[in-house]
Structure formats: C-alpha cells, structure tokens
Amino acid sequence: MAEFKYEITKEIGVLSESKSGWRKEVNMVSWNGAAAKLDIRDWSPNHEKMGKGISLNESEIEKLKELLENV
C-alpha cells in the first residue's frame, strides 16, 4: 500500500465522541502536501489513526451548505 501524508491545518470542531475516545471531527486537512480540504472523519485521541471519512473542496462545501439550509 502506498504511503501517504496528512497534516491537520485547522481543527474546526468535534461532532461526537465514542466511549473509546475516538472523535468524529471536522478539520481542514492537507493530504500529501495538497491544498487543505474540509474533512469529516473519526480520529483516535492522538490523531495517529483515522477512520473512513469525506474530504470536500470549496465548491462541494458551498453545495453542502446550500443543501443543509433546505433541511
């Protein structure tokens, strides 16, 4: 499996936390040195492990915001 790098450039907030300490977080994350994207995923307490998640670019963020305003 190819190695990848990530950097949490800005911690935005925590959506929830499990009993084991893992937290579903909203952050800005740079993957492999690319421009940071809005990222929503589960993280271990020390940010060394992560679960599956979703990363959104600026246009996807705007579309999501538009869709959520209509909920």
PDB file of N, CA and C in Angstrom:
ATOM      1  N   MET A   1       0.848  -1.178   0.000  1.00  0.00           N
ATOM      2  CA  MET A   1       0.000   0.000   0.000  1.00  0.00           C
ATOM      3  C   MET A   1       0.897   1.245   0.000  1.00  0.00           C
ATOM      4  N   ALA A   2       0.558   2.205  -0.813  1.00  0.00           N
ATOM      5  CA  ALA A   2       1.350   3.426  -0.924  1.00  0.00           C
ATOM      6  C   ALA A   2       1.243   4.254   0.357  1.00  0.00           C
ATOM      7  N   GLU A   3       2.363   4.844   0.751  1.00  0.00           N
ATOM      8  CA  GLU A   3       2.375   5.687   1.933  1.00  0.00           C
ATOM      9  C   GLU A   3       1.777   7.052   1.592  1.00  0.00           C
ATOM     10  N   PHE A   4       1.062   7.621   2.513  1.00  0.00           N
ATOM     11  CA  PHE A   4       0.520   8.961   2.312  1.00  0.00           C
ATOM     12  C   PHE A   4       0.770   9.782   3.556  1.00  0.00           C
ATOM     13  N   LYS A   5       0.758  11.090   3.369  1.00  0.00           N
ATOM     14  CA  LYS A   5       0.987  12.007   4.479  1.00  0.00           C
ATOM     15  C   LYS A   5      -0.235  12.891   4.647  1.00  0.00           C
ATOM     16  N   TYR A   6      -0.458  13.320   5.867  1.00  0.00           N
ATOM     17  CA  TYR A   6      -1.555  14.242   6.136  1.00  0.00           C
ATOM     18  C   TYR A   6      -1.120  15.235   7.192  1.00  0.00           C
ATOM     19  N   GLU A   7      -1.729  16.406   7.133  1.00  0.00           N
ATOM     20  CA  GLU A   7      -1.492  17.423   8.148  1.00  0.00           C
ATOM     21  C   GLU A   7      -2.815  18.113   8.446  1.00  0.00           C
ATOM     22  N   ILE A   8      -3.205  18.092   9.710  1.00  0.00           N
ATOM     23  CA  ILE A   8      -4.397  18.827  10.125  1.00  0.00           C
ATOM     24  C   ILE A   8      -3.966  20.282  10.251  1.00  0.00           C
ATOM     25  N   THR A   9      -4.426  21.107   9.318  1.00  0.00           N
ATOM     26  CA  THR A   9      -4.002  22.508   9.314  1.00  0.00           C
ATOM     27  C   THR A   9      -4.875  23.387  10.191  1.00  0.00           C
ATOM     28  N   LYS A  10      -6.119  22.945  10.444  1.00  0.00           N
ATOM     29  CA  LYS A  10      -7.014  23.707  11.315  1.00  0.00           C
ATOM     30  C   LYS A  10      -8.046  22.757  11.913  1.00  0.00           C
ATOM     31  N   GLU A  11      -8.171  22.772  13.222  1.00  0.00           N
ATOM     32  CA  GLU A  11      -9.200  21.988  13.901  1.00  0.00           C
ATOM     33  C   GLU A  11     -10.440  22.860  14.035  1.00  0.00           C
ATOM     34  N   ILE A  12     -11.537  22.421  13.432  1.00  0.00           N
ATOM     35  CA  ILE A  12     -12.762  23.222  13.418  1.00  0.00           C
ATOM     36  C   ILE A  12     -13.692  22.836  14.567  1.00  0.00           C
ATOM     37  N   GLY A  13     -13.889  21.539  14.778  1.00  0.00           N
ATOM     38  CA  GLY A  13     -14.771  21.146  15.862  1.00  0.00           C
ATOM     39  C   GLY A  13     -14.994  19.654  15.941  1.00  0.00           C
ATOM     40  N   VAL A  14     -15.618  19.230  17.037  1.00  0.00           N
ATOM     41  CA  VAL A  14     -15.919  17.824  17.296  1.00  0.00           C
ATOM     42  C   VAL A  14     -17.426  17.632  17.194  1.00  0.00           C
ATOM     43  N   LEU A  15     -17.860  16.658  16.405  1.00  0.00           N
ATOM     44  CA  LEU A  15     -19.281  16.357  16.263  1.00  0.00           C
ATOM     45  C   LEU A  15     -19.759  15.373  17.335  1.00  0.00           C
ATOM     46  N   SER A  16     -18.904  14.402  17.676  1.00  0.00           N
ATOM     47  CA  SER A  16     -19.273  13.420  18.699  1.00  0.00           C
ATOM     48  C   SER A  16     -18.020  12.709  19.188  1.00  0.00           C
ATOM     49  N   GLU A  17     -18.158  12.003  20.305  1.00  0.00           N
ATOM     50  CA  GLU A  17     -17.046  11.230  20.859  1.00  0.00           C
ATOM     51  C   GLU A  17     -17.565   9.892  21.356  1.00  0.00           C
ATOM     52  N   SER A  18     -16.842   8.820  21.036  1.00  0.00           N
ATOM     53  CA  SER A  18     -17.246   7.480  21.472  1.00  0.00           C
ATOM     54  C   SER A  18     -16.667   7.181  22.853  1.00  0.00           C
ATOM     55  N   LYS A  19     -17.141   6.102  23.458  1.00  0.00           N
ATOM     56  CA  LYS A  19     -16.642   5.703  24.772  1.00  0.00           C
ATOM     57  C   LYS A  19     -15.152   5.371  24.731  1.00  0.00           C
ATOM     58  N   SER A  20     -14.659   4.946  23.571  1.00  0.00           N
ATOM     59  CA  SER A  20     -13.245   4.583  23.437  1.00  0.00           C
ATOM     60  C   SER A  20     -12.340   5.801  23.257  1.00  0.00           C
ATOM     61  N   GLY A  21     -12.941   6.986  23.118  1.00  0.00           N
ATOM     62  CA  GLY A  21     -12.157   8.209  22.968  1.00  0.00           C
ATOM     63  C   GLY A  21     -12.005   8.692  21.538  1.00  0.00           C
ATOM     64  N   TRP A  22     -12.423   7.866  20.577  1.00  0.00           N
ATOM     65  CA  TRP A  22     -12.379   8.304  19.173  1.00  0.00           C
ATOM     66  C   TRP A  22     -13.419   9.402  18.987  1.00  0.00           C
ATOM     67  N   ARG A  23     -13.070  10.413  18.178  1.00  0.00           N
ATOM     68  CA  ARG A  23     -13.977  11.546  17.970  1.00  0.00           C
ATOM     69  C   ARG A  23     -14.231  11.765  16.487  1.00  0.00           C
ATOM     70  N   LYS A  24     -15.481  12.052  16.164  1.00  0.00           N
ATOM     71  CA  LYS A  24     -15.833  12.455  14.798  1.00  0.00           C
ATOM     72  C   LYS A  24     -15.582  13.954  14.735  1.00  0.00           C
ATOM     73  N   GLU A  25     -14.590  14.346  13.915  1.00  0.00           N
ATOM     74  CA  GLU A  25     -14.133  15.726  13.881  1.00  0.00           C
ATOM     75  C   GLU A  25     -14.310  16.361  12.507  1.00  0.00           C
ATOM     76  N   VAL A  26     -14.428  17.677  12.527  1.00  0.00           N
ATOM     77  CA  VAL A  26     -14.417  18.491  11.306  1.00  0.00           C
ATOM     78  C   VAL A  26     -13.124  19.292  11.359  1.00  0.00           C
ATOM     79  N   ASN A  27     -12.272  19.082  10.360  1.00  0.00           N
ATOM     80  CA  ASN A  27     -10.968  19.733  10.304  1.00  0.00           C
ATOM     81  C   ASN A  27     -10.655  20.157   8.874  1.00  0.00           C
ATOM     82  N   MET A  28      -9.663  21.002   8.747  1.00  0.00           N
ATOM     83  CA  MET A  28      -9.055  21.256   7.445  1.00  0.00           C
ATOM     84  C   MET A  28      -7.810  20.382   7.402  1.00  0.00           C
ATOM     85  N   VAL A  29      -7.719  19.522   6.373  1.00  0.00           N
ATOM     86  CA  VAL A  29      -6.621  18.562   6.286  1.00  0.00           C
ATOM     87  C   VAL A  29      -5.967  18.653   4.911  1.00  0.00           C
ATOM     88  N   SER A  30      -4.635  18.692   4.931  1.00  0.00           N
ATOM     89  CA  SER A  30      -3.846  18.635   3.705  1.00  0.00           C
ATOM     90  C   SER A  30      -3.400  17.190   3.521  1.00  0.00           C
ATOM     91  N   TRP A  31      -3.728  16.612   2.373  1.00  0.00           N
ATOM     92  CA  TRP A  31      -3.344  15.236   2.058  1.00  0.00           C
ATOM     93  C   TRP A  31      -2.191  15.268   1.059  1.00  0.00           C
ATOM     94  N   ASN A  32      -1.087  14.636   1.401  1.00  0.00           N
ATOM     95  CA  ASN A  32       0.097  14.540   0.528  1.00  0.00           C
ATOM     96  C   ASN A  32       0.564  15.901   0.033  1.00  0.00           C
ATOM     97  N   GLY A  33       0.498  16.913   0.879  1.00  0.00           N
ATOM     98  CA  GLY A  33       1.001  18.233   0.548  1.00  0.00           C
ATOM     99  C   GLY A  33       0.093  19.081  -0.330  1.00  0.00           C
ATOM    100  N   ALA A  34      -1.091  18.577  -0.659  1.00  0.00           N
ATOM    101  CA  ALA A  34      -2.039  19.335  -1.488  1.00  0.00           C
ATOM    102  C   ALA A  34      -2.739  20.391  -0.634  1.00  0.00           C
ATOM    103  N   ALA A  35      -3.482  21.266  -1.286  1.00  0.00           N
ATOM    104  CA  ALA A  35      -4.257  22.285  -0.571  1.00  0.00           C
ATOM    105  C   ALA A  35      -5.207  21.601   0.407  1.00  0.00           C
ATOM    106  N   ALA A  36      -5.360  22.191   1.582  1.00  0.00           N
ATOM    107  CA  ALA A  36      -6.222  21.620   2.617  1.00  0.00           C
ATOM    108  C   ALA A  36      -7.675  21.612   2.160  1.00  0.00           C
ATOM    109  N   LYS A  37      -8.391  20.549   2.557  1.00  0.00           N
ATOM    110  CA  LYS A  37      -9.816  20.409   2.264  1.00  0.00           C
ATOM    111  C   LYS A  37     -10.556  20.223   3.583  1.00  0.00           C
ATOM    112  N   LEU A  38     -11.839  20.570   3.582  1.00  0.00           N
ATOM    113  CA  LEU A  38     -12.681  20.307   4.739  1.00  0.00           C
ATOM    114  C   LEU A  38     -12.820  18.795   4.858  1.00  0.00           C
ATOM    115  N   ASP A  39     -12.600  18.267   6.037  1.00  0.00           N
ATOM    116  CA  ASP A  39     -12.558  16.821   6.226  1.00  0.00           C
ATOM    117  C   ASP A  39     -13.401  16.445   7.433  1.00  0.00           C
ATOM    118  N   ILE A  40     -14.233  15.418   7.267  1.00  0.00           N
ATOM    119  CA  ILE A  40     -15.069  14.909   8.352  1.00  0.00           C
ATOM    120  C   ILE A  40     -14.761  13.422   8.485  1.00  0.00           C
ATOM    121  N   ARG A  41     -14.238  13.021   9.653  1.00  0.00           N
ATOM    122  CA  ARG A  41     -13.922  11.608   9.878  1.00  0.00           C
ATOM    123  C   ARG A  41     -13.672  11.357  11.357  1.00  0.00           C
ATOM    124  N   ASP A  42     -13.592  10.066  11.717  1.00  0.00           N
ATOM    125  CA  ASP A  42     -13.258   9.666  13.076  1.00  0.00           C
ATOM    126  C   ASP A  42     -11.743   9.668  13.240  1.00  0.00           C
ATOM    127  N   TRP A  43     -11.295  10.160  14.401  1.00  0.00           N
ATOM    128  CA  TRP A  43      -9.866  10.202  14.733  1.00  0.00           C
ATOM    129  C   TRP A  43      -9.645   9.593  16.102  1.00  0.00           C
ATOM    130  N   SER A  44      -8.517   8.895  16.252  1.00  0.00           N
ATOM    131  CA  SER A  44      -8.111   8.408  17.569  1.00  0.00           C
ATOM    132  C   SER A  44      -7.729   9.623  18.419  1.00  0.00           C
ATOM    133  N   PRO A  45      -7.652   9.451  19.733  1.00  0.00           N
ATOM    134  CA  PRO A  45      -7.366  10.594  20.603  1.00  0.00           C
ATOM    135  C   PRO A  45      -6.094  11.365  20.257  1.00  0.00           C
ATOM    136  N   ASN A  46      -5.074  10.695  19.729  1.00  0.00           N
ATOM    137  CA  ASN A  46      -3.805  11.361  19.431  1.00  0.00           C
ATOM    138  C   ASN A  46      -3.634  11.711  17.949  1.00  0.00           C
ATOM    139  N   HIS A  47      -4.678  11.550  17.155  1.00  0.00           N
ATOM    140  CA  HIS A  47      -4.667  11.812  15.706  1.00  0.00           C
ATOM    141  C   HIS A  47      -3.673  10.941  14.942  1.00  0.00           C
ATOM    142  N   GLU A  48      -3.272   9.808  15.526  1.00  0.00           N
ATOM    143  CA  GLU A  48      -2.353   8.910  14.818  1.00  0.00           C
ATOM    144  C   GLU A  48      -3.100   7.911  13.945  1.00  0.00           C
ATOM    145  N   LYS A  49      -4.352   7.624  14.287  1.00  0.00           N
ATOM    146  CA  LYS A  49      -5.174   6.707  13.499  1.00  0.00           C
ATOM    147  C   LYS A  49      -6.444   7.428  13.096  1.00  0.00           C
ATOM    148  N   MET A  50      -6.998   7.000  11.962  1.00  0.00           N
ATOM    149  CA  MET A  50      -8.215   7.623  11.459  1.00  0.00           C
ATOM    150  C   MET A  50      -9.143   6.576  10.876  1.00  0.00           C
ATOM    151  N   GLY A  51     -10.420   6.912  10.853  1.00  0.00           N
ATOM    152  CA  GLY A  51     -11.402   6.073  10.202  1.00  0.00           C
ATOM    153  C   GLY A  51     -11.693   6.614   8.813  1.00  0.00           C
ATOM    154  N   LYS A  52     -12.599   5.964   8.126  1.00  0.00           N
ATOM    155  CA  LYS A  52     -13.015   6.448   6.810  1.00  0.00           C
ATOM    156  C   LYS A  52     -13.748   7.770   6.980  1.00  0.00           C
ATOM    157  N   GLY A  53     -13.615   8.615   5.992  1.00  0.00           N
ATOM    158  CA  GLY A  53     -14.261   9.910   6.079  1.00  0.00           C
ATOM    159  C   GLY A  53     -14.503  10.499   4.711  1.00  0.00           C
ATOM    160  N   ILE A  54     -14.738  11.783   4.702  1.00  0.00           N
ATOM    161  CA  ILE A  54     -15.008  12.501   3.463  1.00  0.00           C
ATOM    162  C   ILE A  54     -14.263  13.824   3.492  1.00  0.00           C
ATOM    163  N   SER A  55     -13.684  14.180   2.347  1.00  0.00           N
ATOM    164  CA  SER A  55     -12.996  15.462   2.196  1.00  0.00           C
ATOM    165  C   SER A  55     -13.700  16.246   1.101  1.00  0.00           C
ATOM    166  N   LEU A  56     -13.937  17.535   1.356  1.00  0.00           N
ATOM    167  CA  LEU A  56     -14.680  18.365   0.417  1.00  0.00           C
ATOM    168  C   LEU A  56     -13.863  19.581   0.004  1.00  0.00           C
ATOM    169  N   ASN A  57     -13.895  19.908  -1.298  1.00  0.00           N
ATOM    170  CA  ASN A  57     -13.250  21.140  -1.763  1.00  0.00           C
ATOM    171  C   ASN A  57     -14.230  22.302  -1.575  1.00  0.00           C
ATOM    172  N   GLU A  58     -13.797  23.500  -1.924  1.00  0.00           N
ATOM    173  CA  GLU A  58     -14.623  24.695  -1.658  1.00  0.00           C
ATOM    174  C   GLU A  58     -15.989  24.642  -2.330  1.00  0.00           C
ATOM    175  N   SER A  59     -16.056  24.209  -3.577  1.00  0.00           N
ATOM    176  CA  SER A  59     -17.352  24.177  -4.261  1.00  0.00           C
ATOM    177  C   SER A  59     -18.269  23.123  -3.640  1.00  0.00           C
ATOM    178  N   GLU A  60     -17.710  22.013  -3.190  1.00  0.00           N
ATOM    179  CA  GLU A  60     -18.517  20.988  -2.529  1.00  0.00           C
ATOM    180  C   GLU A  60     -19.010  21.472  -1.165  1.00  0.00           C
ATOM    181  N   ILE A  61     -18.187  22.248  -0.470  1.00  0.00           N
ATOM    182  CA  ILE A  61     -18.604  22.829   0.814  1.00  0.00           C
ATOM    183  C   ILE A  61     -19.796  23.757   0.603  1.00  0.00           C
ATOM    184  N   GLU A  62     -19.715  24.607  -0.395  1.00  0.00           N
ATOM    185  CA  GLU A  62     -20.817  25.539  -0.689  1.00  0.00           C
ATOM    186  C   GLU A  62     -22.089  24.784  -1.049  1.00  0.00           C
ATOM    187  N   LYS A  63     -21.966  23.731  -1.849  1.00  0.00           N
ATOM    188  CA  LYS A  63     -23.144  22.946  -2.243  1.00  0.00           C
ATOM    189  C   LYS A  63     -23.743  22.246  -1.028  1.00  0.00           C
ATOM    190  N   LEU A  64     -22.893  21.675  -0.162  1.00  0.00           N
ATOM    191  CA  LEU A  64     -23.384  21.022   1.045  1.00  0.00           C
ATOM    192  C   LEU A  64     -24.105  22.020   1.945  1.00  0.00           C
ATOM    193  N   LYS A  65     -23.523  23.202   2.106  1.00  0.00           N
ATOM    194  CA  LYS A  65     -24.153  24.239   2.925  1.00  0.00           C
ATOM    195  C   LYS A  65     -25.530  24.586   2.356  1.00  0.00           C
ATOM    196  N   GLU A  66     -25.613  24.743   1.050  1.00  0.00           N
ATOM    197  CA  GLU A  66     -26.880  25.049   0.377  1.00  0.00           C
ATOM    198  C   GLU A  66     -27.910  23.932   0.624  1.00  0.00           C
ATOM    199  N   LEU A  67     -27.481  22.682   0.510  1.00  0.00           N
ATOM    200  CA  LEU A  67     -28.394  21.569   0.728  1.00  0.00           C
ATOM    201  C   LEU A  67     -28.865  21.498   2.175  1.00  0.00           C
ATOM    202  N   LEU A  68     -27.964  21.731   3.129  1.00  0.00           N
ATOM    203  CA  LEU A  68     -28.327  21.663   4.544  1.00  0.00           C
ATOM    204  C   LEU A  68     -29.260  22.775   4.970  1.00  0.00           C
ATOM    205  N   GLU A  69     -29.159  23.932   4.316  1.00  0.00           N
ATOM    206  CA  GLU A  69     -30.061  25.040   4.636  1.00  0.00           C
ATOM    207  C   GLU A  69     -31.500  24.708   4.290  1.00  0.00           C
ATOM    208  N   ASN A  70     -31.703  23.744   3.396  1.00  0.00           N
ATOM    209  CA  ASN A  70     -33.050  23.362   2.983  1.00  0.00           C
ATOM    210  C   ASN A  70     -33.595  22.162   3.760  1.00  0.00           C
ATOM    211  N   VAL A  71     -32.855  21.697   4.752  1.00  0.00           N
ATOM    212  CA  VAL A  71     -33.310  20.541   5.540  1.00  0.00           C
ATOM    213  C   VAL A  71     -34.256  21.030   6.624  1.00  0.00           C
TER     214      VAL A  71
END
